Amino acid sequence: MSESIRENGPFPRLPDCCNLGIWLRVLLAVNLGGLAVAFARAAASSLLGEFMALAALLEPVVLASLLALCVAQRFLMRLDPRAAAAVVLAIVLALTALFHALFMTLGGSQLWRALTWAGLGTLLLLGYFDLRARAQLPALAEARLLALTSRIRPHFLFNSINAVLGVLRSDPRRAERALEGMADLFRALMRDNRELVPLSDELALARQYLDLEKLRLGERLQVRWEIDSCPVDTLVPPLMLQPLLENAVYHGIEPAEHPGELLVRMAGDPGKDGRMIVEISNPLVAGGDHQRGNRMALANIRERLMLYYDLEARLEIAERDGRYTVHIIIPNRRQ
């Protein structure tokens, strides 16, 4: 089973026509345009009257169009951006023609002029909102990355504390060493995680996490590393391995009656423009809803991969031979 990285799609190109701020911006732009036309057509003494007459013609069409687009918002967001823009343009032109028919304030030739201006104005506004959305993408992406990264930390904190509590009474010295290791681990987790990090850092974090889990699970948790052929200077997203390992332990090792093996395999092309493959595999537990349990971690990783690599990365899931395997394929970028 393969899942595309861009499952959630890009940021919507169309503005949110149910948003009050969008309404205010559109009304302001239309009225400024009407004021410019009135200034060009009328003398100074009749400027206000000309502007009020134009506003009386423009604003009902604008308000009706915004209301119609708000009602059709969900439908429009499911369309391709170009198709959605065409539907928006058709709605505005249809309402312009409808209001002309209702009020009969324009002649036939003036109707075509009104439709032309309405079409041009709609395209200009769509272009403005598209450029505005594109300008906001870097800030939105950075905020989303920070939110996704911070979502991992509470789960990791609770599991780590439980691991230490599991051996606190039976082996206080071991618990003390574990707390020291956990402090080092959280120091790494609290750093700025917006940039790609060396694979060696991710592997160190993953090993420390698995050492903590072994405090709770003992011999039930067996880990096999196959990473010799992977260059450790490859740059990867921060906290890419730990949430997947956490889910693998929680859903594949803890519920099992017998010891289970967790496999971490990595391979990378030596070329600068090659690919790196990360594979994390754990036993499937009979009767467990593994797909549902992994949904949050996989959605988190998938979205962060999309923000870092766009279409260059893939996340694939496979269930075969009694094992649940997650494959991640990313560009082999070096320091």
C-alpha atoms as a PDB file:
ATOM      1  CA  MET A   1       0.000   0.000   0.000  1.00  0.00           C
ATOM      2  CA  SER A   2       1.488   3.332  -1.047  1.00  0.00           C
ATOM      3  CA  GLU A   3       0.419   6.779   0.104  1.00  0.00           C
ATOM      4  CA  SER A   4       1.337  10.017  -1.610  1.00  0.00           C
ATOM      5  CA  ILE A   5       3.199  12.630   0.375  1.00  0.00           C
ATOM      6  CA  ARG A   6       0.918  15.354  -0.921  1.00  0.00           C
ATOM      7  CA  GLU A   7      -2.216  13.766   0.452  1.00  0.00           C
ATOM      8  CA  ASN A   8      -3.339  16.980   2.102  1.00  0.00           C
ATOM      9  CA  GLY A   9      -2.696  19.003  -1.025  1.00  0.00           C
ATOM     10  CA  PRO A  10      -1.202  22.452  -1.374  1.00  0.00           C
ATOM     11  CA  PHE A  11      -2.508  25.576   0.277  1.00  0.00           C
ATOM     12  CA  PRO A  12      -5.773  26.673  -1.406  1.00  0.00           C
ATOM     13  CA  ARG A  13      -5.337  29.303  -4.113  1.00  0.00           C
ATOM     14  CA  LEU A  14      -8.833  30.790  -3.760  1.00  0.00           C
ATOM     15  CA  PRO A  15      -9.538  33.161  -0.876  1.00  0.00           C
ATOM     16  CA  ASP A  16     -11.877  32.137   1.917  1.00  0.00           C
ATOM     17  CA  CYS A  17     -14.988  33.991   0.799  1.00  0.00           C
ATOM     18  CA  CYS A  18     -16.655  33.351   4.163  1.00  0.00           C
ATOM     19  CA  ASN A  19     -13.950  35.380   5.911  1.00  0.00           C
ATOM     20  CA  LEU A  20     -14.915  38.904   6.974  1.00  0.00           C
ATOM     21  CA  GLY A  21     -11.425  40.174   6.194  1.00  0.00           C
ATOM     22  CA  ILE A  22     -11.769  38.981   2.592  1.00  0.00           C
ATOM     23  CA  TRP A  23     -15.107  40.762   2.273  1.00  0.00           C
ATOM     24  CA  LEU A  24     -13.619  44.020   3.578  1.00  0.00           C
ATOM     25  CA  ARG A  25     -10.641  43.818   1.218  1.00  0.00           C
ATOM     26  CA  VAL A  26     -12.845  43.133  -1.804  1.00  0.00           C
ATOM     27  CA  LEU A  27     -15.260  45.947  -0.936  1.00  0.00           C
ATOM     28  CA  LEU A  28     -12.370  48.340  -0.374  1.00  0.00           C
ATOM     29  CA  ALA A  29     -10.779  47.429  -3.716  1.00  0.00           C
ATOM     30  CA  VAL A  30     -14.068  47.739  -5.614  1.00  0.00           C
ATOM     31  CA  ASN A  31     -14.930  51.076  -4.040  1.00  0.00           C
ATOM     32  CA  LEU A  32     -11.452  52.436  -4.720  1.00  0.00           C
ATOM     33  CA  GLY A  33     -11.872  51.353  -8.335  1.00  0.00           C
ATOM     34  CA  GLY A  34     -15.261  53.052  -8.468  1.00  0.00           C
ATOM     35  CA  LEU A  35     -13.759  56.217  -6.989  1.00  0.00           C
ATOM     36  CA  ALA A  36     -11.034  56.216  -9.637  1.00  0.00           C
ATOM     37  CA  VAL A  37     -13.632  55.856 -12.413  1.00  0.00           C
ATOM     38  CA  ALA A  38     -15.765  58.626 -10.904  1.00  0.00           C
ATOM     39  CA  PHE A  39     -12.721  60.889 -10.646  1.00  0.00           C
ATOM     40  CA  ALA A  40     -11.932  60.290 -14.329  1.00  0.00           C
ATOM     41  CA  ARG A  41     -15.503  60.799 -15.548  1.00  0.00           C
ATOM     42  CA  ALA A  42     -16.928  63.618 -13.414  1.00  0.00           C
ATOM     43  CA  ALA A  43     -16.023  67.156 -12.511  1.00  0.00           C
ATOM     44  CA  ALA A  44     -14.969  67.948  -8.977  1.00  0.00           C
ATOM     45  CA  SER A  45     -18.390  69.389  -8.142  1.00  0.00           C
ATOM     46  CA  SER A  46     -20.231  66.182  -9.083  1.00  0.00           C
ATOM     47  CA  LEU A  47     -17.565  63.686  -7.966  1.00  0.00           C
ATOM     48  CA  LEU A  48     -19.429  62.546  -4.860  1.00  0.00           C
ATOM     49  CA  GLY A  49     -22.705  62.011  -6.696  1.00  0.00           C
ATOM     50  CA  GLU A  50     -20.985  60.059  -9.477  1.00  0.00           C
ATOM     51  CA  PHE A  51     -19.187  57.873  -6.933  1.00  0.00           C
ATOM     52  CA  MET A  52     -22.405  57.166  -5.009  1.00  0.00           C
ATOM     53  CA  ALA A  53     -24.170  56.185  -8.235  1.00  0.00           C
ATOM     54  CA  LEU A  54     -21.372  53.794  -9.167  1.00  0.00           C
ATOM     55  CA  ALA A  55     -21.279  52.336  -5.646  1.00  0.00           C
ATOM     56  CA  ALA A  56     -25.021  51.698  -5.809  1.00  0.00           C
ATOM     57  CA  LEU A  57     -24.424  49.642  -8.961  1.00  0.00           C
ATOM     58  CA  LEU A  58     -21.261  47.845  -7.848  1.00  0.00           C
ATOM     59  CA  GLU A  59     -21.840  46.914  -4.228  1.00  0.00           C
ATOM     60  CA  PRO A  60     -25.012  44.802  -4.658  1.00  0.00           C
ATOM     61  CA  VAL A  61     -23.211  42.698  -7.276  1.00  0.00           C
ATOM     62  CA  VAL A  62     -20.108  42.404  -5.080  1.00  0.00           C
ATOM     63  CA  LEU A  63     -22.050  41.443  -1.948  1.00  0.00           C
ATOM     64  CA  ALA A  64     -24.211  38.935  -3.820  1.00  0.00           C
ATOM     65  CA  SER A  65     -21.117  37.422  -5.447  1.00  0.00           C
ATOM     66  CA  LEU A  66     -19.300  37.074  -2.116  1.00  0.00           C
ATOM     67  CA  LEU A  67     -22.359  35.473  -0.549  1.00  0.00           C
ATOM     68  CA  ALA A  68     -22.718  33.010  -3.436  1.00  0.00           C
ATOM     69  CA  LEU A  69     -19.008  32.140  -3.281  1.00  0.00           C
ATOM     70  CA  CYS A  70     -19.237  31.604   0.475  1.00  0.00           C
ATOM     71  CA  VAL A  71     -22.097  29.154  -0.044  1.00  0.00           C
ATOM     72  CA  ALA A  72     -20.113  27.366  -2.776  1.00  0.00           C
ATOM     73  CA  GLN A  73     -16.829  27.432  -0.820  1.00  0.00           C
ATOM     74  CA  ARG A  74     -16.595  23.687  -0.127  1.00  0.00           C
ATOM     75  CA  PHE A  75     -17.402  22.814  -3.721  1.00  0.00           C
ATOM     76  CA  LEU A  76     -14.818  25.269  -5.068  1.00  0.00           C
ATOM     77  CA  MET A  77     -12.054  23.947  -2.813  1.00  0.00           C
ATOM     78  CA  ARG A  78     -12.489  20.477  -4.285  1.00  0.00           C
ATOM     79  CA  LEU A  79     -11.838  21.754  -7.811  1.00  0.00           C
ATOM     80  CA  ASP A  80      -8.588  22.297  -9.630  1.00  0.00           C
ATOM     81  CA  PRO A  81      -7.470  25.942  -9.060  1.00  0.00           C
ATOM     82  CA  ARG A  82      -8.038  26.875 -12.706  1.00  0.00           C
ATOM     83  CA  ALA A  83     -11.474  25.273 -12.789  1.00  0.00           C
ATOM     84  CA  ALA A  84     -12.378  26.978  -9.514  1.00  0.00           C
ATOM     85  CA  ALA A  85     -11.285  30.362 -10.896  1.00  0.00           C
ATOM     86  CA  ALA A  86     -13.447  29.766 -13.983  1.00  0.00           C
ATOM     87  CA  VAL A  87     -16.461  28.967 -11.775  1.00  0.00           C
ATOM     88  CA  VAL A  88     -15.858  32.125  -9.713  1.00  0.00           C
ATOM     89  CA  LEU A  89     -15.694  34.209 -12.881  1.00  0.00           C
ATOM     90  CA  ALA A  90     -18.896  32.634 -14.203  1.00  0.00           C
ATOM     91  CA  ILE A  91     -20.742  33.346 -10.933  1.00  0.00           C
ATOM     92  CA  VAL A  92     -19.675  37.001 -10.924  1.00  0.00           C
ATOM     93  CA  LEU A  93     -20.639  37.523 -14.573  1.00  0.00           C
ATOM     94  CA  ALA A  94     -23.983  35.784 -14.091  1.00  0.00           C
ATOM     95  CA  LEU A  95     -24.834  37.964 -11.097  1.00  0.00           C
ATOM     96  CA  THR A  96     -23.751  41.084 -12.974  1.00  0.00           C
ATOM     97  CA  ALA A  97     -26.135  40.197 -15.809  1.00  0.00           C
ATOM     98  CA  LEU A  98     -28.894  39.326 -13.321  1.00  0.00           C
ATOM     99  CA  PHE A  99     -28.698  42.659 -11.514  1.00  0.00           C
ATOM    100  CA  HIS A 100     -28.716  44.454 -14.858  1.00  0.00           C
ATOM    101  CA  ALA A 101     -31.896  42.619 -15.820  1.00  0.00           C
ATOM    102  CA  LEU A 102     -33.512  43.428 -12.475  1.00  0.00           C
ATOM    103  CA  PHE A 103     -32.769  47.126 -12.395  1.00  0.00           C
ATOM    104  CA  MET A 104     -32.611  47.853 -16.140  1.00  0.00           C
ATOM    105  CA  THR A 105     -30.201  50.668 -15.485  1.00  0.00           C
ATOM    106  CA  LEU A 106     -27.884  49.914 -18.405  1.00  0.00           C
ATOM    107  CA  GLY A 107     -28.418  49.663 -22.107  1.00  0.00           C
ATOM    108  CA  GLY A 108     -27.355  46.633 -24.142  1.00  0.00           C
ATOM    109  CA  SER A 109     -23.950  48.027 -25.095  1.00  0.00           C
ATOM    110  CA  GLN A 110     -23.344  49.116 -21.507  1.00  0.00           C
ATOM    111  CA  LEU A 111     -24.132  45.593 -20.288  1.00  0.00           C
ATOM    112  CA  TRP A 112     -21.205  44.193 -22.244  1.00  0.00           C
ATOM    113  CA  ARG A 113     -19.017  46.951 -20.826  1.00  0.00           C
ATOM    114  CA  ALA A 114     -20.169  46.073 -17.308  1.00  0.00           C
ATOM    115  CA  LEU A 115     -19.489  42.386 -17.899  1.00  0.00           C
ATOM    116  CA  THR A 116     -16.012  43.224 -19.199  1.00  0.00           C
ATOM    117  CA  TRP A 117     -15.176  45.346 -16.162  1.00  0.00           C
ATOM    118  CA  ALA A 118     -16.638  42.731 -13.815  1.00  0.00           C
ATOM    119  CA  GLY A 119     -14.538  40.014 -15.443  1.00  0.00           C
ATOM    120  CA  LEU A 120     -11.336  42.054 -15.342  1.00  0.00           C
ATOM    121  CA  GLY A 121     -11.939  43.075 -11.744  1.00  0.00           C
ATOM    122  CA  THR A 122     -12.579  39.468 -10.712  1.00  0.00           C
ATOM    123  CA  LEU A 123      -9.385  38.254 -12.385  1.00  0.00           C
ATOM    124  CA  LEU A 124      -7.358  41.044 -10.773  1.00  0.00           C
ATOM    125  CA  LEU A 125      -8.729  40.223  -7.327  1.00  0.00           C
ATOM    126  CA  LEU A 126      -8.091  36.504  -7.801  1.00  0.00           C
ATOM    127  CA  GLY A 127      -4.528  37.315  -8.849  1.00  0.00           C
ATOM    128  CA  TYR A 128      -4.066  39.545  -5.803  1.00  0.00           C
ATOM    129  CA  PHE A 129      -5.287  36.899  -3.368  1.00  0.00           C
ATOM    130  CA  ASP A 130      -3.171  34.234  -5.057  1.00  0.00           C
ATOM    131  CA  LEU A 131      -0.026  36.382  -4.726  1.00  0.00           C
ATOM    132  CA  ARG A 132      -0.931  37.173  -1.132  1.00  0.00           C
ATOM    133  CA  ALA A 133      -1.314  33.464  -0.331  1.00  0.00           C
ATOM    134  CA  ARG A 134       2.017  32.668  -2.000  1.00  0.00           C
ATOM    135  CA  ALA A 135       3.747  35.394   0.008  1.00  0.00           C
ATOM    136  CA  GLN A 136       2.395  33.876   3.228  1.00  0.00           C
ATOM    137  CA  LEU A 137       3.444  30.304   2.375  1.00  0.00           C
ATOM    138  CA  PRO A 138       6.954  30.429   3.927  1.00  0.00           C
ATOM    139  CA  ALA A 139       5.647  31.770   7.244  1.00  0.00           C
ATOM    140  CA  LEU A 140       2.740  29.318   7.268  1.00  0.00           C
ATOM    141  CA  ALA A 141       5.022  26.405   6.447  1.00  0.00           C
ATOM    142  CA  GLU A 142       7.469  27.357   9.200  1.00  0.00           C
ATOM    143  CA  ALA A 143       4.671  27.699  11.746  1.00  0.00           C
ATOM    144  CA  ARG A 144       3.250  24.344  10.656  1.00  0.00           C
ATOM    145  CA  LEU A 145       6.635  22.656  11.034  1.00  0.00           C
ATOM    146  CA  LEU A 146       7.034  24.011  14.558  1.00  0.00           C
ATOM    147  CA  ALA A 147       3.517  22.878  15.465  1.00  0.00           C
ATOM    148  CA  LEU A 148       4.090  19.382  14.081  1.00  0.00           C
ATOM    149  CA  THR A 149       7.424  19.054  15.888  1.00  0.00           C
ATOM    150  CA  SER A 150       6.023  20.259  19.205  1.00  0.00           C
ATOM    151  CA  ARG A 151       3.188  17.728  18.899  1.00  0.00           C
ATOM    152  CA  ILE A 152       5.743  14.919  19.174  1.00  0.00           C
ATOM    153  CA  ARG A 153       7.296  16.033  22.452  1.00  0.00           C
ATOM    154  CA  PRO A 154       4.422  15.363  24.906  1.00  0.00           C
ATOM    155  CA  HIS A 155       4.071  11.739  23.746  1.00  0.00           C
ATOM    156  CA  PHE A 156       7.796  11.247  24.012  1.00  0.00           C
ATOM    157  CA  LEU A 157       7.892  12.833  27.477  1.00  0.00           C
ATOM    158  CA  PHE A 158       5.167  10.594  28.898  1.00  0.00           C
ATOM    159  CA  ASN A 159       6.674   7.428  27.471  1.00  0.00           C
ATOM    160  CA  SER A 160      10.148   8.308  28.727  1.00  0.00           C
ATOM    161  CA  ILE A 161       8.921   9.026  32.256  1.00  0.00           C
ATOM    162  CA  ASN A 162       7.022   5.741  32.295  1.00  0.00           C
ATOM    163  CA  ALA A 163      10.172   3.944  31.198  1.00  0.00           C
ATOM    164  CA  VAL A 164      12.170   5.401  34.100  1.00  0.00           C
ATOM    165  CA  LEU A 165       9.396   4.722  36.616  1.00  0.00           C
ATOM    166  CA  GLY A 166       9.415   1.097  35.532  1.00  0.00           C
ATOM    167  CA  VAL A 167      12.924   0.544  36.953  1.00  0.00           C
ATOM    168  CA  LEU A 168      13.039   3.199  39.663  1.00  0.00           C
ATOM    169  CA  ARG A 169      12.382   0.810  42.564  1.00  0.00           C
ATOM    170  CA  SER A 170      14.149  -2.255  41.245  1.00  0.00           C
ATOM    171  CA  ASP A 171      17.341  -0.533  40.047  1.00  0.00           C
ATOM    172  CA  PRO A 172      17.749   3.065  41.329  1.00  0.00           C
ATOM    173  CA  ARG A 173      21.224   3.516  39.835  1.00  0.00           C
ATOM    174  CA  ARG A 174      20.024   2.447  36.429  1.00  0.00           C
ATOM    175  CA  ALA A 175      17.093   4.838  36.751  1.00  0.00           C
ATOM    176  CA  GLU A 176      19.507   7.636  37.647  1.00  0.00           C
ATOM    177  CA  ARG A 177      21.590   6.980  34.541  1.00  0.00           C
ATOM    178  CA  ALA A 178      18.399   6.864  32.494  1.00  0.00           C
ATOM    179  CA  LEU A 179      17.340  10.259  33.830  1.00  0.00           C
ATOM    180  CA  GLU A 180      20.709  11.697  32.867  1.00  0.00           C
ATOM    181  CA  GLY A 181      20.313  10.250  29.390  1.00  0.00           C
ATOM    182  CA  MET A 182      16.777  11.591  29.197  1.00  0.00           C
ATOM    183  CA  ALA A 183      18.036  15.073  30.094  1.00  0.00           C
ATOM    184  CA  ASP A 184      20.528  14.899  27.221  1.00  0.00           C
ATOM    185  CA  LEU A 185      17.770  13.661  24.975  1.00  0.00           C
ATOM    186  CA  PHE A 186      15.408  16.502  25.800  1.00  0.00           C
ATOM    187  CA  ARG A 187      18.190  19.006  25.338  1.00  0.00           C
ATOM    188  CA  ALA A 188      18.389  17.796  21.759  1.00  0.00           C
ATOM    189  CA  LEU A 189      14.603  17.870  21.387  1.00  0.00           C
ATOM    190  CA  MET A 190      14.368  21.475  22.582  1.00  0.00           C
ATOM    191  CA  ARG A 191      16.727  22.823  19.934  1.00  0.00           C
ATOM    192  CA  ASP A 192      15.533  24.701  16.862  1.00  0.00           C
ATOM    193  CA  ASN A 193      14.042  21.959  14.687  1.00  0.00           C
ATOM    194  CA  ARG A 194      13.195  23.966  11.584  1.00  0.00           C
ATOM    195  CA  GLU A 195      16.265  22.952   9.579  1.00  0.00           C
ATOM    196  CA  LEU A 196      17.395  19.596   8.241  1.00  0.00           C
ATOM    197  CA  VAL A 197      19.835  17.769  10.522  1.00  0.00           C
ATOM    198  CA  PRO A 198      22.562  15.172   9.883  1.00  0.00           C
ATOM    199  CA  LEU A 199      21.422  11.576   9.910  1.00  0.00           C
ATOM    200  CA  SER A 200      23.994  10.872  12.618  1.00  0.00           C
ATOM    201  CA  ASP A 201      22.052  13.145  15.002  1.00  0.00           C
ATOM    202  CA  GLU A 202      18.785  11.375  14.213  1.00  0.00           C
ATOM    203  CA  LEU A 203      20.388   7.976  14.770  1.00  0.00           C
ATOM    204  CA  ALA A 204      21.812   9.070  18.128  1.00  0.00           C
ATOM    205  CA  LEU A 205      18.377  10.323  19.179  1.00  0.00           C
ATOM    206  CA  ALA A 206      16.751   7.076  18.030  1.00  0.00           C
ATOM    207  CA  ARG A 207      19.260   4.928  19.941  1.00  0.00           C
ATOM    208  CA  GLN A 208      18.751   6.947  23.125  1.00  0.00           C
ATOM    209  CA  TYR A 209      14.999   6.571  22.815  1.00  0.00           C
ATOM    210  CA  LEU A 210      15.225   2.811  22.290  1.00  0.00           C
ATOM    211  CA  ASP A 211      17.582   2.511  25.265  1.00  0.00           C
ATOM    212  CA  LEU A 212      14.885   4.122  27.404  1.00  0.00           C
ATOM    213  CA  GLU A 213      12.249   1.759  26.047  1.00  0.00           C
ATOM    214  CA  LYS A 214      14.463  -1.213  26.867  1.00  0.00           C
ATOM    215  CA  LEU A 215      14.246  -0.174  30.517  1.00  0.00           C
ATOM    216  CA  ARG A 216      10.545  -1.022  30.436  1.00  0.00           C
ATOM    217  CA  LEU A 217      10.485  -3.903  28.002  1.00  0.00           C
ATOM    218  CA  GLY A 218      13.780  -5.629  28.696  1.00  0.00           C
ATOM    219  CA  GLU A 219      14.430  -8.626  26.446  1.00  0.00           C
ATOM    220  CA  ARG A 220      11.013  -8.277  24.829  1.00  0.00           C
ATOM    221  CA  LEU A 221      12.461  -5.513  22.647  1.00  0.00           C
ATOM    222  CA  GLN A 222      15.099  -6.636  20.153  1.00  0.00           C
ATOM    223  CA  VAL A 223      16.524  -4.096  17.704  1.00  0.00           C
ATOM    224  CA  ARG A 224      18.416  -4.872  14.514  1.00  0.00           C
ATOM    225  CA  TRP A 225      20.250  -2.058  12.759  1.00  0.00           C
ATOM    226  CA  GLU A 226      21.182  -2.334   9.070  1.00  0.00           C
ATOM    227  CA  ILE A 227      22.623   1.085   8.326  1.00  0.00           C
ATOM    228  CA  ASP A 228      26.242   0.462   7.316  1.00  0.00           C
ATOM    229  CA  SER A 229      25.667   1.429   3.676  1.00  0.00           C
ATOM    230  CA  CYS A 230      23.983   4.729   4.520  1.00  0.00           C
ATOM    231  CA  PRO A 231      26.087   7.938   4.688  1.00  0.00           C
ATOM    232  CA  VAL A 232      25.587   9.518   8.112  1.00  0.00           C
ATOM    233  CA  ASP A 233      26.161  13.036   6.768  1.00  0.00           C
ATOM    234  CA  THR A 234      22.892  12.891   4.820  1.00  0.00           C
ATOM    235  CA  LEU A 235      20.528  15.682   5.874  1.00  0.00           C
ATOM    236  CA  VAL A 236      17.099  14.528   7.083  1.00  0.00           C
ATOM    237  CA  PRO A 237      14.080  16.170   8.766  1.00  0.00           C
ATOM    238  CA  PRO A 238      14.467  16.440  12.549  1.00  0.00           C
ATOM    239  CA  LEU A 239      12.481  13.926  14.614  1.00  0.00           C
ATOM    240  CA  MET A 240      11.816  11.745  11.593  1.00  0.00           C
ATOM    241  CA  LEU A 241      12.756   8.400  13.172  1.00  0.00           C
ATOM    242  CA  GLN A 242      11.683   8.744  16.809  1.00  0.00           C
ATOM    243  CA  PRO A 243       7.874   8.974  16.335  1.00  0.00           C
ATOM    244  CA  LEU A 244       7.929   5.995  13.962  1.00  0.00           C
ATOM    245  CA  LEU A 245      10.027   3.966  16.393  1.00  0.00           C
ATOM    246  CA  GLU A 246       7.683   4.955  19.209  1.00  0.00           C
ATOM    247  CA  ASN A 247       4.660   3.683  17.301  1.00  0.00           C
ATOM    248  CA  ALA A 248       6.500   0.532  16.264  1.00  0.00           C
ATOM    249  CA  VAL A 249       7.267  -0.236  19.907  1.00  0.00           C
ATOM    250  CA  TYR A 250       3.811   0.678  21.140  1.00  0.00           C
ATOM    251  CA  HIS A 251       1.847  -1.296  18.521  1.00  0.00           C
ATOM    252  CA  GLY A 252       4.268  -4.048  17.558  1.00  0.00           C
ATOM    253  CA  ILE A 253       6.265  -4.927  20.683  1.00  0.00           C
ATOM    254  CA  GLU A 254       4.249  -4.024  23.798  1.00  0.00           C
ATOM    255  CA  PRO A 255       1.044  -5.966  22.953  1.00  0.00           C
ATOM    256  CA  ALA A 256       2.950  -9.095  21.873  1.00  0.00           C
ATOM    257  CA  GLU A 257       3.197 -12.068  24.216  1.00  0.00           C
ATOM    258  CA  HIS A 258       6.686 -12.962  22.980  1.00  0.00           C
ATOM    259  CA  PRO A 259       9.832 -10.930  22.269  1.00  0.00           C
ATOM    260  CA  GLY A 260       9.745  -9.078  18.979  1.00  0.00           C
ATOM    261  CA  GLU A 261      12.348  -7.642  16.668  1.00  0.00           C
ATOM    262  CA  LEU A 262      12.292  -4.069  15.458  1.00  0.00           C
ATOM    263  CA  LEU A 263      14.244  -3.605  12.215  1.00  0.00           C
ATOM    264  CA  VAL A 264      15.796  -0.283  11.196  1.00  0.00           C
ATOM    265  CA  ARG A 265      17.277  -0.436   7.702  1.00  0.00           C
ATOM    266  CA  MET A 266      18.754   2.440   5.706  1.00  0.00           C
ATOM    267  CA  ALA A 267      20.425   2.621   2.326  1.00  0.00           C
ATOM    268  CA  GLY A 268      21.569   5.572   0.281  1.00  0.00           C
ATOM    269  CA  ASP A 269      22.939   6.202  -3.184  1.00  0.00           C
ATOM    270  CA  PRO A 270      26.509   7.491  -3.159  1.00  0.00           C
ATOM    271  CA  GLY A 271      25.715  10.152  -5.747  1.00  0.00           C
ATOM    272  CA  LYS A 272      24.908  13.691  -4.711  1.00  0.00           C
ATOM    273  CA  ASP A 273      21.518  13.588  -6.458  1.00  0.00           C
ATOM    274  CA  GLY A 274      20.613  10.085  -5.303  1.00  0.00           C
ATOM    275  CA  ARG A 275      17.915   8.873  -2.951  1.00  0.00           C
ATOM    276  CA  MET A 276      17.951   7.571   0.588  1.00  0.00           C
ATOM    277  CA  ILE A 277      15.584   4.813   1.739  1.00  0.00           C
ATOM    278  CA  VAL A 278      14.591   4.429   5.380  1.00  0.00           C
ATOM    279  CA  GLU A 279      12.733   1.296   6.457  1.00  0.00           C
ATOM    280  CA  ILE A 280      11.264   0.666   9.912  1.00  0.00           C
ATOM    281  CA  SER A 281       9.624  -2.718  10.437  1.00  0.00           C
ATOM    282  CA  ASN A 282       7.928  -4.339  13.420  1.00  0.00           C
ATOM    283  CA  PRO A 283       5.826  -7.476  14.025  1.00  0.00           C
ATOM    284  CA  LEU A 284       2.110  -7.363  13.336  1.00  0.00           C
ATOM    285  CA  VAL A 285       0.104  -8.237  16.429  1.00  0.00           C
ATOM    286  CA  ALA A 286      -2.993 -10.346  15.810  1.00  0.00           C
ATOM    287  CA  GLY A 287      -6.208  -8.459  16.468  1.00  0.00           C
ATOM    288  CA  GLY A 288      -4.501  -5.069  16.612  1.00  0.00           C
ATOM    289  CA  ASP A 289      -5.660  -2.096  14.555  1.00  0.00           C
ATOM    290  CA  HIS A 290      -2.172  -1.093  13.515  1.00  0.00           C
ATOM    291  CA  GLN A 291      -3.216   1.181  10.671  1.00  0.00           C
ATOM    292  CA  ARG A 292      -5.423   3.218  12.963  1.00  0.00           C
ATOM    293  CA  GLY A 293      -2.826   3.397  15.701  1.00  0.00           C
ATOM    294  CA  ASN A 294      -0.137   4.675  13.343  1.00  0.00           C
ATOM    295  CA  ARG A 295      -2.347   7.233  11.632  1.00  0.00           C
ATOM    296  CA  MET A 296      -1.256  10.263  13.665  1.00  0.00           C
ATOM    297  CA  ALA A 297       2.479   9.555  13.470  1.00  0.00           C
ATOM    298  CA  LEU A 298       2.308   8.811   9.750  1.00  0.00           C
ATOM    299  CA  ALA A 299       0.242  11.927   9.028  1.00  0.00           C
ATOM    300  CA  ASN A 300       2.750  13.975  11.009  1.00  0.00           C
ATOM    301  CA  ILE A 301       5.761  12.584   9.152  1.00  0.00           C
ATOM    302  CA  ARG A 302       3.978  12.789   5.787  1.00  0.00           C
ATOM    303  CA  GLU A 303       3.135  16.449   6.198  1.00  0.00           C
ATOM    304  CA  ARG A 304       6.621  17.389   7.356  1.00  0.00           C
ATOM    305  CA  LEU A 305       8.161  15.535   4.412  1.00  0.00           C
ATOM    306  CA  MET A 306       5.856  17.448   2.087  1.00  0.00           C
ATOM    307  CA  LEU A 307       6.925  20.771   3.615  1.00  0.00           C
ATOM    308  CA  TYR A 308      10.619  19.909   3.372  1.00  0.00           C
ATOM    309  CA  TYR A 309      10.754  18.078   0.026  1.00  0.00           C
ATOM    310  CA  ASP A 310       7.405  18.541  -1.757  1.00  0.00           C
ATOM    311  CA  LEU A 311       7.083  15.813  -4.434  1.00  0.00           C
ATOM    312  CA  GLU A 312      10.669  14.602  -4.052  1.00  0.00           C
ATOM    313  CA  ALA A 313       9.762  12.430  -1.042  1.00  0.00           C
ATOM    314  CA  ARG A 314       7.511   9.412  -0.619  1.00  0.00           C
ATOM    315  CA  LEU A 315       6.092   7.512   2.332  1.00  0.00           C
ATOM    316  CA  GLU A 316       4.945   3.936   1.717  1.00  0.00           C
ATOM    317  CA  ILE A 317       3.334   1.351   3.995  1.00  0.00           C
ATOM    318  CA  ALA A 318       3.451  -2.416   3.543  1.00  0.00           C
ATOM    319  CA  GLU A 319       1.979  -5.349   5.485  1.00  0.00           C
ATOM    320  CA  ARG A 320       3.457  -8.694   4.506  1.00  0.00           C
ATOM    321  CA  ASP A 321       4.953 -11.806   6.082  1.00  0.00           C
ATOM    322  CA  GLY A 322       3.555 -10.875   9.479  1.00  0.00           C
ATOM    323  CA  ARG A 323       5.327  -7.526   9.630  1.00  0.00           C
ATOM    324  CA  TYR A 324       4.299  -3.895   9.335  1.00  0.00           C
ATOM    325  CA  THR A 325       6.833  -1.805   7.407  1.00  0.00           C
ATOM    326  CA  VAL A 326       7.124   1.919   6.775  1.00  0.00           C
ATOM    327  CA  HIS A 327       9.339   3.019   3.866  1.00  0.00           C
ATOM    328  CA  ILE A 328      10.494   6.621   3.548  1.00  0.00           C
ATOM    329  CA  ILE A 329      12.262   7.741   0.375  1.00  0.00           C
ATOM    330  CA  ILE A 330      13.918  11.170   0.427  1.00  0.00           C
ATOM    331  CA  PRO A 331      16.578  13.034  -1.587  1.00  0.00           C
ATOM    332  CA  ASN A 332      20.129  12.230  -0.511  1.00  0.00           C
ATOM    333  CA  ARG A 333      21.234  15.728   0.455  1.00  0.00           C
ATOM    334  CA  ARG A 334      24.624  16.150   2.097  1.00  0.00           C
ATOM    335  CA  GLN A 335      26.118  18.711   4.421  1.00  0.00           C
END
